[in-house]
C-alpha atoms as a PDB file:
ATOM      1  CA  MET A   1     -49.387  -3.930 -58.429  1.00  0.00           C
ATOM      2  CA  LEU A   2     -47.858  -1.488 -60.876  1.00  0.00           C
ATOM      3  CA  THR A   3     -45.488   1.197 -59.563  1.00  0.00           C
ATOM      4  CA  ARG A   4     -45.906   3.514 -62.572  1.00  0.00           C
ATOM      5  CA  ASP A   5     -48.262   4.162 -65.504  1.00  0.00           C
ATOM      6  CA  LEU A   6     -47.888   1.884 -68.535  1.00  0.00           C
ATOM      7  CA  VAL A   7     -49.477   1.592 -71.957  1.00  0.00           C
ATOM      8  CA  VAL A   8     -50.278  -2.053 -72.617  1.00  0.00           C
ATOM      9  CA  ALA A   9     -51.872  -3.142 -75.885  1.00  0.00           C
ATOM     10  CA  GLY A  10     -52.811   0.493 -76.559  1.00  0.00           C
ATOM     11  CA  LYS A  11     -54.511   0.995 -73.204  1.00  0.00           C
ATOM     12  CA  ARG A  12     -53.316   2.953 -70.187  1.00  0.00           C
ATOM     13  CA  TRP A  13     -52.748   0.993 -67.029  1.00  0.00           C
ATOM     14  CA  ALA A  14     -52.512   3.350 -64.030  1.00  0.00           C
ATOM     15  CA  LYS A  15     -49.932   3.002 -61.312  1.00  0.00           C
ATOM     16  CA  GLY A  16     -51.318   1.135 -58.338  1.00  0.00           C
ATOM     17  CA  ARG A  17     -53.329  -1.179 -60.581  1.00  0.00           C
ATOM     18  CA  ARG A  18     -53.888  -4.601 -59.071  1.00  0.00           C
ATOM     19  CA  LEU A  19     -52.708  -7.174 -61.557  1.00  0.00           C
ATOM     20  CA  SER A  20     -54.344 -10.495 -62.227  1.00  0.00           C
ATOM     21  CA  ALA A  21     -52.376 -13.494 -63.457  1.00  0.00           C
ATOM     22  CA  ALA A  22     -53.642 -12.690 -66.970  1.00  0.00           C
ATOM     23  CA  ASP A  23     -52.354  -9.096 -66.605  1.00  0.00           C
ATOM     24  CA  VAL A  24     -48.891 -10.321 -65.695  1.00  0.00           C
ATOM     25  CA  GLU A  25     -48.901 -12.691 -68.644  1.00  0.00           C
ATOM     26  CA  ARG A  26     -49.896  -9.847 -70.996  1.00  0.00           C
ATOM     27  CA  LEU A  27     -47.091  -7.660 -69.632  1.00  0.00           C
ATOM     28  CA  ALA A  28     -44.613 -10.392 -70.422  1.00  0.00           C
ATOM     29  CA  THR A  29     -45.755 -10.549 -74.071  1.00  0.00           C
ATOM     30  CA  ASP A  30     -46.727  -6.939 -74.887  1.00  0.00           C
ATOM     31  CA  LEU A  31     -43.884  -4.853 -73.468  1.00  0.00           C
ATOM     32  CA  PRO A  32     -40.730  -4.279 -75.514  1.00  0.00           C
ATOM     33  CA  GLU A  33     -37.961  -6.766 -74.763  1.00  0.00           C
ATOM     34  CA  GLY A  34     -35.472  -5.519 -72.195  1.00  0.00           C
ATOM     35  CA  ARG A  35     -37.790  -2.876 -70.699  1.00  0.00           C
ATOM     36  CA  PRO A  36     -37.804  -3.341 -66.907  1.00  0.00           C
ATOM     37  CA  VAL A  37     -41.109  -3.237 -65.048  1.00  0.00           C
ATOM     38  CA  THR A  38     -41.258  -3.138 -61.244  1.00  0.00           C
ATOM     39  CA  LEU A  39     -44.177  -4.850 -59.561  1.00  0.00           C
ATOM     40  CA  LEU A  40     -45.174  -4.828 -55.897  1.00  0.00           C
ATOM     41  CA  LEU A  41     -46.354  -7.947 -54.128  1.00  0.00           C
ATOM     42  CA  LEU A  42     -48.445  -7.560 -50.970  1.00  0.00           C
ATOM     43  CA  GLU A  43     -47.134  -9.518 -48.034  1.00  0.00           C
ATOM     44  CA  SER A  44     -48.911 -10.511 -44.859  1.00  0.00           C
ATOM     45  CA  GLY A  45     -49.684  -7.337 -42.902  1.00  0.00           C
ATOM     46  CA  ASP A  46     -49.802  -5.057 -45.990  1.00  0.00           C
ATOM     47  CA  ILE A  47     -52.847  -3.307 -47.457  1.00  0.00           C
ATOM     48  CA  HIS A  48     -53.460  -1.483 -50.728  1.00  0.00           C
ATOM     49  CA  GLU A  49     -53.392   2.334 -50.734  1.00  0.00           C
ATOM     50  CA  ASP A  50     -57.128   2.672 -51.492  1.00  0.00           C
ATOM     51  CA  GLU A  51     -58.133   0.436 -48.594  1.00  0.00           C
ATOM     52  CA  ALA A  52     -55.739   2.336 -46.349  1.00  0.00           C
ATOM     53  CA  ALA A  53     -57.229   5.668 -47.472  1.00  0.00           C
ATOM     54  CA  HIS A  54     -60.783   4.465 -46.788  1.00  0.00           C
ATOM     55  CA  ARG A  55     -59.840   3.281 -43.316  1.00  0.00           C
ATOM     56  CA  LEU A  56     -57.934   6.463 -42.533  1.00  0.00           C
ATOM     57  CA  ALA A  57     -60.782   8.678 -43.753  1.00  0.00           C
ATOM     58  CA  SER A  58     -63.358   6.705 -41.779  1.00  0.00           C
ATOM     59  CA  ALA A  59     -61.214   7.006 -38.663  1.00  0.00           C
ATOM     60  CA  ALA A  60     -60.598  10.742 -39.067  1.00  0.00           C
ATOM     61  CA  ALA A  61     -64.192  11.664 -39.877  1.00  0.00           C
ATOM     62  CA  GLY A  62     -66.543  12.613 -37.072  1.00  0.00           C
ATOM     63  CA  ILE A  63     -70.080  13.941 -37.459  1.00  0.00           C
ATOM     64  CA  GLY A  64     -71.256  16.128 -40.317  1.00  0.00           C
ATOM     65  CA  LEU A  65     -69.081  14.788 -43.133  1.00  0.00           C
ATOM     66  CA  THR A  66     -69.435  12.893 -46.400  1.00  0.00           C
ATOM     67  CA  GLN A  67     -66.709  11.219 -48.446  1.00  0.00           C
ATOM     68  CA  ARG A  68     -65.548  11.586 -52.045  1.00  0.00           C
ATOM     69  CA  GLY A  69     -63.016   9.375 -53.811  1.00  0.00           C
ATOM     70  CA  PRO A  70     -60.500   7.940 -53.591  1.00  0.00           C
ATOM     71  CA  VAL A  71     -58.488   9.238 -56.540  1.00  0.00           C
ATOM     72  CA  GLU A  72     -54.868   8.072 -56.486  1.00  0.00           C
ATOM     73  CA  SER A  73     -55.292   7.222 -52.795  1.00  0.00           C
ATOM     74  CA  ARG A  74     -56.607  10.692 -51.888  1.00  0.00           C
ATOM     75  CA  LEU A  75     -60.035  10.706 -50.304  1.00  0.00           C
ATOM     76  CA  ASP A  76     -61.858  13.988 -49.587  1.00  0.00           C
ATOM     77  CA  LEU A  77     -64.142  14.837 -46.673  1.00  0.00           C
ATOM     78  CA  LEU A  78     -66.959  17.299 -47.454  1.00  0.00           C
ATOM     79  CA  ALA A  79     -69.297  19.218 -45.165  1.00  0.00           C
ATOM     80  CA  ALA A  80     -72.654  17.454 -44.975  1.00  0.00           C
ATOM     81  CA  HIS A  81     -74.347  20.663 -43.810  1.00  0.00           C
ATOM     82  CA  ASP A  82     -73.624  24.314 -43.034  1.00  0.00           C
ATOM     83  CA  GLY A  83     -71.797  24.701 -39.754  1.00  0.00           C
ATOM     84  CA  VAL A  84     -68.548  25.182 -37.855  1.00  0.00           C
ATOM     85  CA  LEU A  85     -65.524  23.017 -38.610  1.00  0.00           C
ATOM     86  CA  HIS A  86     -63.860  21.413 -35.614  1.00  0.00           C
ATOM     87  CA  VAL A  87     -60.383  19.892 -35.796  1.00  0.00           C
ATOM     88  CA  ARG A  88     -58.727  18.062 -32.915  1.00  0.00           C
ATOM     89  CA  ILE A  89     -55.372  19.603 -33.716  1.00  0.00           C
ATOM     90  CA  ALA A  90     -53.219  17.582 -31.308  1.00  0.00           C
ATOM     91  CA  ALA A  91     -54.673  14.296 -32.599  1.00  0.00           C
ATOM     92  CA  LEU A  92     -54.267  15.454 -36.198  1.00  0.00           C
ATOM     93  CA  GLU A  93     -50.592  16.165 -35.622  1.00  0.00           C
ATOM     94  CA  ARG A  94     -50.053  12.772 -33.974  1.00  0.00           C
ATOM     95  CA  ILE A  95     -51.517  11.023 -37.007  1.00  0.00           C
ATOM     96  CA  ASP A  96     -49.448  13.134 -39.386  1.00  0.00           C
ATOM     97  CA  ARG A  97     -46.284  12.039 -37.588  1.00  0.00           C
ATOM     98  CA  ILE A  98     -46.944   8.506 -38.912  1.00  0.00           C
ATOM     99  CA  ASP A  99     -45.036   8.158 -42.175  1.00  0.00           C
ATOM    100  CA  PRO A 100     -46.569   7.849 -44.816  1.00  0.00           C
ATOM    101  CA  LEU A 101     -50.105   8.772 -43.680  1.00  0.00           C
ATOM    102  CA  GLU A 102     -51.415  12.255 -44.549  1.00  0.00           C
ATOM    103  CA  VAL A 103     -54.449  14.088 -43.164  1.00  0.00           C
ATOM    104  CA  PHE A 104     -54.855  17.780 -44.047  1.00  0.00           C
ATOM    105  CA  THR A 105     -57.700  20.166 -43.220  1.00  0.00           C
ATOM    106  CA  ARG A 106     -59.053  23.676 -43.307  1.00  0.00           C
ATOM    107  CA  LEU A 107     -58.698  25.736 -40.117  1.00  0.00           C
ATOM    108  CA  ASP A 108     -60.380  24.784 -36.869  1.00  0.00           C
ATOM    109  CA  GLY A 109     -63.350  27.058 -36.200  1.00  0.00           C
ATOM    110  CA  GLN A 110     -63.890  27.975 -39.842  1.00  0.00           C
ATOM    111  CA  VAL A 111     -67.495  28.422 -40.999  1.00  0.00           C
ATOM    112  CA  VAL A 112     -68.263  26.087 -43.910  1.00  0.00           C
ATOM    113  CA  ARG A 113     -71.162  25.412 -46.245  1.00  0.00           C
ATOM    114  CA  THR A 114     -72.745  22.178 -47.402  1.00  0.00           C
ATOM    115  CA  GLY A 115     -70.557  20.345 -49.914  1.00  0.00           C
ATOM    116  CA  GLU A 116     -67.395  22.342 -49.243  1.00  0.00           C
ATOM    117  CA  LEU A 117     -64.100  20.480 -48.992  1.00  0.00           C
ATOM    118  CA  VAL A 118     -62.967  20.544 -45.364  1.00  0.00           C
ATOM    119  CA  ALA A 119     -60.272  17.842 -45.243  1.00  0.00           C
ATOM    120  CA  SER A 120     -58.472  15.160 -47.248  1.00  0.00           C
ATOM    121  CA  VAL A 121     -56.537  12.028 -46.445  1.00  0.00           C
ATOM    122  CA  LYS A 122     -53.865  10.457 -48.606  1.00  0.00           C
ATOM    123  CA  VAL A 123     -51.543   7.493 -48.449  1.00  0.00           C
ATOM    124  CA  ALA A 124     -48.348   8.129 -50.421  1.00  0.00           C
ATOM    125  CA  PRO A 125     -47.063   4.625 -51.339  1.00  0.00           C
ATOM    126  CA  HIS A 126     -49.152   1.970 -53.073  1.00  0.00           C
ATOM    127  CA  VAL A 127     -48.732  -0.475 -50.208  1.00  0.00           C
ATOM    128  CA  VAL A 128     -48.583   0.282 -46.480  1.00  0.00           C
ATOM    129  CA  PRO A 129     -48.327  -1.844 -43.350  1.00  0.00           C
ATOM    130  CA  VAL A 130     -51.768  -2.239 -41.825  1.00  0.00           C
ATOM    131  CA  ALA A 131     -50.265  -1.614 -38.387  1.00  0.00           C
ATOM    132  CA  LEU A 132     -49.668   2.050 -39.318  1.00  0.00           C
ATOM    133  CA  VAL A 133     -53.297   2.550 -40.270  1.00  0.00           C
ATOM    134  CA  ALA A 134     -54.382   0.803 -37.067  1.00  0.00           C
ATOM    135  CA  ALA A 135     -52.230   3.228 -35.069  1.00  0.00           C
ATOM    136  CA  ALA A 136     -53.986   6.190 -36.711  1.00  0.00           C
ATOM    137  CA  GLU A 137     -57.372   4.626 -35.987  1.00  0.00           C
ATOM    138  CA  SER A 138     -56.409   4.306 -32.328  1.00  0.00           C
ATOM    139  CA  ILE A 139     -55.432   7.982 -32.148  1.00  0.00           C
ATOM    140  CA  ALA A 140     -58.661   9.107 -33.805  1.00  0.00           C
ATOM    141  CA  GLY A 141     -60.754   7.103 -31.357  1.00  0.00           C
ATOM    142  CA  ARG A 142     -64.525   6.964 -31.497  1.00  0.00           C
ATOM    143  CA  THR A 143     -65.118  10.658 -32.180  1.00  0.00           C
ATOM    144  CA  GLY A 144     -62.731  11.124 -35.090  1.00  0.00           C
ATOM    145  CA  VAL A 145     -60.466  14.106 -35.659  1.00  0.00           C
ATOM    146  CA  ILE A 146     -62.588  16.307 -37.957  1.00  0.00           C
ATOM    147  CA  SER A 147     -66.266  17.222 -37.664  1.00  0.00           C
ATOM    148  CA  VAL A 148     -68.757  19.877 -38.712  1.00  0.00           C
ATOM    149  CA  ALA A 149     -71.186  21.046 -36.030  1.00  0.00           C
ATOM    150  CA  PRO A 150     -74.468  22.136 -37.657  1.00  0.00           C
ATOM    151  CA  PHE A 151     -76.117  25.451 -36.934  1.00  0.00           C
ATOM    152  CA  LEU A 152     -79.078  24.988 -34.595  1.00  0.00           C
ATOM    153  CA  PRO A 153     -82.387  26.880 -34.720  1.00  0.00           C
ATOM    154  CA  ARG A 154     -81.763  29.051 -31.643  1.00  0.00           C
ATOM    155  CA  ARG A 155     -84.085  31.650 -30.171  1.00  0.00           C
ATOM    156  CA  VAL A 156     -82.243  34.962 -29.940  1.00  0.00           C
ATOM    157  CA  GLY A 157     -83.283  38.036 -27.993  1.00  0.00           C
ATOM    158  CA  VAL A 158     -81.705  41.454 -28.409  1.00  0.00           C
ATOM    159  CA  LEU A 159     -81.499  43.859 -25.472  1.00  0.00           C
ATOM    160  CA  VAL A 160     -80.333  47.420 -26.088  1.00  0.00           C
ATOM    161  CA  LYS A 161     -79.937  50.400 -23.790  1.00  0.00           C
ATOM    162  CA  GLU A 162     -81.829  53.459 -25.018  1.00  0.00           C
ATOM    163  CA  ALA A 163     -78.523  55.289 -25.269  1.00  0.00           C
ATOM    164  CA  LEU A 164     -78.449  53.887 -28.801  1.00  0.00           C
ATOM    165  CA  HIS A 165     -79.923  56.829 -30.693  1.00  0.00           C
ATOM    166  CA  ALA A 166     -83.049  56.306 -32.766  1.00  0.00           C
ATOM    167  CA  PRO A 167     -81.466  56.989 -36.199  1.00  0.00           C
ATOM    168  CA  ALA A 168     -79.026  54.134 -35.574  1.00  0.00           C
ATOM    169  CA  ARG A 169     -81.622  51.603 -34.438  1.00  0.00           C
ATOM    170  CA  GLU A 170     -82.834  50.568 -37.861  1.00  0.00           C
ATOM    171  CA  ARG A 171     -79.285  49.962 -39.036  1.00  0.00           C
ATOM    172  CA  PHE A 172     -78.449  48.062 -35.859  1.00  0.00           C
ATOM    173  CA  GLU A 173     -81.508  45.808 -36.010  1.00  0.00           C
ATOM    174  CA  GLY A 174     -80.930  45.040 -39.686  1.00  0.00           C
ATOM    175  CA  SER A 175     -77.324  44.085 -39.012  1.00  0.00           C
ATOM    176  CA  VAL A 176     -78.196  41.777 -36.111  1.00  0.00           C
ATOM    177  CA  ARG A 177     -81.025  40.052 -37.974  1.00  0.00           C
ATOM    178  CA  GLN A 178     -78.814  39.484 -41.004  1.00  0.00           C
ATOM    179  CA  LYS A 179     -76.157  37.772 -38.920  1.00  0.00           C
ATOM    180  CA  VAL A 180     -78.499  35.629 -36.841  1.00  0.00           C
ATOM    181  CA  GLU A 181     -80.723  34.532 -39.731  1.00  0.00           C
ATOM    182  CA  ALA A 182     -77.719  33.704 -41.929  1.00  0.00           C
ATOM    183  CA  LEU A 183     -76.746  31.140 -39.279  1.00  0.00           C
ATOM    184  CA  GLY A 184     -80.161  29.482 -39.115  1.00  0.00           C
ATOM    185  CA  SER A 185     -81.557  31.134 -35.984  1.00  0.00           C
ATOM    186  CA  THR A 186     -84.289  33.700 -35.359  1.00  0.00           C
ATOM    187  CA  VAL A 187     -84.369  37.068 -33.617  1.00  0.00           C
ATOM    188  CA  GLU A 188     -87.507  36.741 -31.502  1.00  0.00           C
ATOM    189  CA  SER A 189     -87.532  40.246 -30.034  1.00  0.00           C
ATOM    190  CA  VAL A 190     -85.597  43.493 -29.856  1.00  0.00           C
ATOM    191  CA  VAL A 191     -86.127  45.387 -26.595  1.00  0.00           C
ATOM    192  CA  TYR A 192     -84.885  48.880 -25.733  1.00  0.00           C
ATOM    193  CA  VAL A 193     -84.474  49.737 -22.038  1.00  0.00           C
ATOM    194  CA  GLU A 194     -83.513  52.694 -19.872  1.00  0.00           C
ATOM    195  CA  ASP A 195     -79.811  52.908 -18.983  1.00  0.00           C
ATOM    196  CA  ALA A 196     -80.297  51.744 -15.383  1.00  0.00           C
ATOM    197  CA  THR A 197     -79.878  48.463 -13.509  1.00  0.00           C
ATOM    198  CA  GLU A 198     -83.521  47.821 -12.591  1.00  0.00           C
ATOM    199  CA  PRO A 199     -85.050  48.097 -16.083  1.00  0.00           C
ATOM    200  CA  VAL A 200     -82.148  46.164 -17.614  1.00  0.00           C
ATOM    201  CA  ALA A 201     -82.568  43.391 -15.017  1.00  0.00           C
ATOM    202  CA  GLY A 202     -86.330  43.263 -15.586  1.00  0.00           C
ATOM    203  CA  ALA A 203     -86.029  42.914 -19.343  1.00  0.00           C
ATOM    204  CA  LEU A 204     -83.204  40.395 -19.046  1.00  0.00           C
ATOM    205  CA  TYR A 205     -85.225  38.325 -16.565  1.00  0.00           C
ATOM    206  CA  GLN A 206     -88.052  37.968 -19.075  1.00  0.00           C
ATOM    207  CA  MET A 207     -85.627  36.790 -21.790  1.00  0.00           C
ATOM    208  CA  VAL A 208     -83.820  34.329 -19.526  1.00  0.00           C
ATOM    209  CA  PHE A 209     -86.538  32.993 -17.230  1.00  0.00           C
ATOM    210  CA  GLY A 210     -89.840  34.058 -18.812  1.00  0.00           C
ATOM    211  CA  ASN A 211     -92.103  32.218 -21.240  1.00  0.00           C
ATOM    212  CA  GLY A 212     -90.295  31.486 -24.494  1.00  0.00           C
ATOM    213  CA  ARG A 213     -86.819  31.553 -22.925  1.00  0.00           C
ATOM    214  CA  MET A 214     -84.064  32.741 -25.245  1.00  0.00           C
ATOM    215  CA  ASP A 215     -81.054  30.546 -25.970  1.00  0.00           C
ATOM    216  CA  LEU A 216     -78.909  33.611 -26.624  1.00  0.00           C
ATOM    217  CA  VAL A 217     -79.253  37.274 -25.720  1.00  0.00           C
ATOM    218  CA  MET A 218     -77.279  39.850 -27.696  1.00  0.00           C
ATOM    219  CA  THR A 219     -76.789  43.211 -26.041  1.00  0.00           C
ATOM    220  CA  ALA A 220     -75.599  46.615 -27.172  1.00  0.00           C
ATOM    221  CA  GLY A 221     -74.850  49.904 -25.475  1.00  0.00           C
ATOM    222  CA  SER A 222     -72.834  48.638 -22.514  1.00  0.00           C
ATOM    223  CA  ALA A 223     -69.599  50.127 -21.211  1.00  0.00           C
ATOM    224  CA  SER A 224     -67.500  46.967 -21.123  1.00  0.00           C
ATOM    225  CA  THR A 225     -64.779  48.471 -18.907  1.00  0.00           C
ATOM    226  CA  ASP A 226     -67.200  49.777 -16.249  1.00  0.00           C
ATOM    227  CA  PRO A 227     -67.874  47.113 -13.578  1.00  0.00           C
ATOM    228  CA  HIS A 228     -70.981  49.053 -12.522  1.00  0.00           C
ATOM    229  CA  ASP A 229     -72.533  49.109 -15.985  1.00  0.00           C
ATOM    230  CA  PRO A 230     -76.251  48.226 -15.626  1.00  0.00           C
ATOM    231  CA  PHE A 231     -75.793  45.069 -17.734  1.00  0.00           C
ATOM    232  CA  PHE A 232     -73.148  43.687 -15.380  1.00  0.00           C
ATOM    233  CA  GLU A 233     -75.110  44.612 -12.274  1.00  0.00           C
ATOM    234  CA  ALA A 234     -78.267  43.045 -13.740  1.00  0.00           C
ATOM    235  CA  ILE A 235     -76.427  39.794 -14.560  1.00  0.00           C
ATOM    236  CA  ASP A 236     -75.131  39.624 -10.995  1.00  0.00           C
ATOM    237  CA  ALA A 237     -78.583  40.355  -9.554  1.00  0.00           C
ATOM    238  CA  LEU A 238     -80.070  37.484 -11.577  1.00  0.00           C
ATOM    239  CA  GLY A 239     -77.485  34.995 -10.293  1.00  0.00           C
ATOM    240  CA  GLY A 240     -75.470  34.919 -13.507  1.00  0.00           C
ATOM    241  CA  ARG A 241     -71.772  35.273 -14.062  1.00  0.00           C
ATOM    242  CA  ILE A 242     -69.458  37.138 -16.385  1.00  0.00           C
ATOM    243  CA  VAL A 243     -67.507  34.614 -18.446  1.00  0.00           C
ATOM    244  CA  ARG A 244     -65.122  37.047 -20.070  1.00  0.00           C
ATOM    245  CA  ARG A 245     -64.566  40.793 -20.394  1.00  0.00           C
ATOM    246  CA  GLY A 246     -62.814  41.137 -23.716  1.00  0.00           C
ATOM    247  CA  VAL A 247     -61.748  38.378 -26.116  1.00  0.00           C
ATOM    248  CA  PRO A 248     -58.380  37.554 -27.765  1.00  0.00           C
ATOM    249  CA  ALA A 249     -59.260  38.850 -31.234  1.00  0.00           C
ATOM    250  CA  HIS A 250     -59.259  42.230 -32.931  1.00  0.00           C
ATOM    251  CA  PRO A 251     -61.216  44.187 -34.048  1.00  0.00           C
ATOM    252  CA  GLY A 252     -63.940  43.573 -31.507  1.00  0.00           C
ATOM    253  CA  SER A 253     -61.734  42.688 -28.552  1.00  0.00           C
ATOM    254  CA  MET A 254     -64.032  44.600 -26.158  1.00  0.00           C
ATOM    255  CA  LEU A 255     -66.804  42.070 -26.695  1.00  0.00           C
ATOM    256  CA  TRP A 256     -67.891  40.411 -23.441  1.00  0.00           C
ATOM    257  CA  LEU A 257     -69.642  37.168 -22.547  1.00  0.00           C
ATOM    258  CA  ALA A 258     -71.873  36.081 -19.685  1.00  0.00           C
ATOM    259  CA  ARG A 259     -74.261  33.305 -18.746  1.00  0.00           C
ATOM    260  CA  VAL A 260     -77.508  33.476 -16.762  1.00  0.00           C
ATOM    261  CA  GLY A 261     -79.302  30.212 -16.120  1.00  0.00           C
ATOM    262  CA  ARG A 262     -79.172  28.278 -19.390  1.00  0.00           C
ATOM    263  CA  THR A 263     -78.861  31.389 -21.567  1.00  0.00           C
ATOM    264  CA  ASP A 264     -75.667  32.773 -23.072  1.00  0.00           C
ATOM    265  CA  ILE A 265     -75.286  36.549 -23.248  1.00  0.00           C
ATOM    266  CA  ILE A 266     -72.971  38.355 -25.625  1.00  0.00           C
ATOM    267  CA  GLY A 267     -72.158  42.041 -25.268  1.00  0.00           C
ATOM    268  CA  LEU A 268     -71.453  43.425 -28.716  1.00  0.00           C
ATOM    269  CA  PRO A 269     -68.626  45.928 -29.008  1.00  0.00           C
ATOM    270  CA  THR A 270     -69.653  49.283 -30.441  1.00  0.00           C
ATOM    271  CA  CYS A 271     -68.037  48.477 -33.800  1.00  0.00           C
ATOM    272  CA  GLY A 272     -69.764  45.067 -33.897  1.00  0.00           C
ATOM    273  CA  ALA A 273     -73.239  46.462 -33.335  1.00  0.00           C
ATOM    274  CA  TYR A 274     -73.413  47.615 -36.927  1.00  0.00           C
ATOM    275  CA  SER A 275     -72.538  46.168 -40.322  1.00  0.00           C
ATOM    276  CA  LYS A 276     -68.864  45.619 -39.613  1.00  0.00           C
ATOM    277  CA  ALA A 277     -66.827  42.425 -39.331  1.00  0.00           C
ATOM    278  CA  THR A 278     -65.462  41.829 -35.834  1.00  0.00           C
ATOM    279  CA  ALA A 279     -64.635  39.112 -33.321  1.00  0.00           C
ATOM    280  CA  ALA A 280     -68.369  38.740 -32.767  1.00  0.00           C
ATOM    281  CA  ASP A 281     -68.568  37.147 -36.217  1.00  0.00           C
ATOM    282  CA  LEU A 282     -66.128  34.445 -35.096  1.00  0.00           C
ATOM    283  CA  LEU A 283     -67.921  33.817 -31.829  1.00  0.00           C
ATOM    284  CA  LEU A 284     -71.562  33.948 -32.961  1.00  0.00           C
ATOM    285  CA  PRO A 285     -71.335  30.862 -35.248  1.00  0.00           C
ATOM    286  CA  ARG A 286     -69.877  28.833 -32.388  1.00  0.00           C
ATOM    287  CA  LEU A 287     -72.661  29.842 -29.996  1.00  0.00           C
ATOM    288  CA  LEU A 288     -75.343  29.120 -32.611  1.00  0.00           C
ATOM    289  CA  SER A 289     -73.922  25.656 -33.305  1.00  0.00           C
ATOM    290  CA  GLY A 290     -74.147  24.492 -29.702  1.00  0.00           C
ATOM    291  CA  GLU A 291     -70.928  25.645 -28.053  1.00  0.00           C
ATOM    292  CA  ARG A 292     -71.318  27.281 -24.657  1.00  0.00           C
ATOM    293  CA  ALA A 293     -70.117  30.712 -23.698  1.00  0.00           C
ATOM    294  CA  ASP A 294     -67.137  29.588 -21.656  1.00  0.00           C
ATOM    295  CA  ALA A 295     -63.407  30.153 -21.330  1.00  0.00           C
ATOM    296  CA  ARG A 296     -62.516  27.329 -23.719  1.00  0.00           C
ATOM    297  CA  THR A 297     -64.682  28.719 -26.515  1.00  0.00           C
ATOM    298  CA  VAL A 298     -63.162  32.161 -26.058  1.00  0.00           C
ATOM    299  CA  ALA A 299     -59.577  30.891 -25.928  1.00  0.00           C
ATOM    300  CA  ARG A 300     -59.938  29.293 -29.359  1.00  0.00           C
ATOM    301  CA  LEU A 301     -60.374  32.721 -30.932  1.00  0.00           C
ATOM    302  CA  GLY A 302     -56.786  33.769 -30.247  1.00  0.00           C
ATOM    303  CA  HIS A 303     -55.117  31.638 -32.928  1.00  0.00           C
ATOM    304  CA  GLY A 304     -55.878  33.607 -36.082  1.00  0.00           C
ATOM    305  CA  GLY A 305     -57.494  36.398 -34.088  1.00  0.00           C
ATOM    306  CA  ILE A 306     -55.883  39.267 -36.006  1.00  0.00           C
ATOM    307  CA  LEU A 307     -58.889  39.853 -38.220  1.00  0.00           C
ATOM    308  CA  THR A 308     -57.391  41.668 -41.166  1.00  0.00           C
ATOM    309  CA  ARG A 309     -59.268  41.424 -44.446  1.00  0.00           C
ATOM    310  CA  GLU A 310     -57.206  38.454 -45.619  1.00  0.00           C
ATOM    311  CA  MET A 311     -58.463  36.538 -42.561  1.00  0.00           C
ATOM    312  CA  ARG A 312     -62.121  36.938 -43.548  1.00  0.00           C
ATOM    313  CA  PHE A 313     -62.217  33.390 -44.921  1.00  0.00           C
ATOM    314  CA  ARG A 314     -62.566  32.236 -41.296  1.00  0.00           C
ATOM    315  CA  MET A 315     -65.851  34.096 -40.905  1.00  0.00           C
ATOM    316  CA  PRO A 316     -69.409  33.357 -42.053  1.00  0.00           C
ATOM    317  CA  HIS A 317     -70.082  34.270 -45.662  1.00  0.00           C
ATOM    318  CA  TYR A 318     -72.200  37.288 -44.656  1.00  0.00           C
ATOM    319  CA  ALA A 319     -69.150  38.861 -42.945  1.00  0.00           C
ATOM    320  CA  ARG A 320     -66.576  38.380 -45.661  1.00  0.00           C
ATOM    321  CA  GLU A 321     -67.412  41.579 -47.510  1.00  0.00           C
ATOM    322  CA  LEU A 322     -68.407  43.718 -44.537  1.00  0.00           C
ATOM    323  CA  GLU A 323     -66.591  46.897 -43.697  1.00  0.00           C
ATOM    324  CA  ALA A 324     -63.750  46.585 -41.171  1.00  0.00           C
ATOM    325  CA  PRO A 325     -63.769  49.028 -38.253  1.00  0.00           C
ATOM    326  CA  ASP A 326     -60.900  51.466 -37.826  1.00  0.00           C
ATOM    327  CA  GLY A 327     -57.873  50.143 -35.956  1.00  0.00           C
END
């Protein structure tokens, strides 16, 4: 193989080119006398950079990806559908400790669209020992290192205490529908209830255990720091549990999460109930792509959880131009 680009008989031969016996013979006759040319000869246990890149990409790729390339031993992984990018960061770092293998990605938890570049692999030299690629394949395992979880068609109910004044309701409902529908799900109903435990529990029961059970219930109007808020008392009465009061991201850190039966419940912070970008816009895509409302899902929000405008690239496209709440 060639180690650098050459012009032979008026044609460009790219570095990494595999040379036939006829190619070598032409080099000997067509290059100026005295000009040194370095060639690489594969030995037992070596593989070409393109083969190594294909194997590395196939090992790294989990569900929801397509491949493009390779070009100069770089092979790209593209999102096969809209969804949430997942990166097994510890495994990625273990692979990237293997010189000269390279795997580089966008951020874990980022919302991506069909066809977007989410990761690339590259092998720096033209020839690498196959044992290094095999080591990376072992680290990646059966599930790979990178995947895109698709958005699922979830049934979403919205439960709001009547303390939300009528002039704000239209704006609130429009904001919630925009977010849910942009992620491939449907708002099945919006219900307003009296600010008391019994009516909240009754309405929540219908959404969680009634006909047409909701996969996710979004709530608004709760006092997240009051343990006797009707939402919290209703969840307890129905045998549910509070997963988290507050999340490690701001703005929107007063968001809360719960689970009743098989239904996730998200308590929108006041700033997230309207057309503003908050932590809810990081969490909602995860819930609507199949992740459960649990401590692990919440903990992942902390890295990159300072949601200044320059961090909007992590959010769904609908949120990237939304107003940011004060503070």
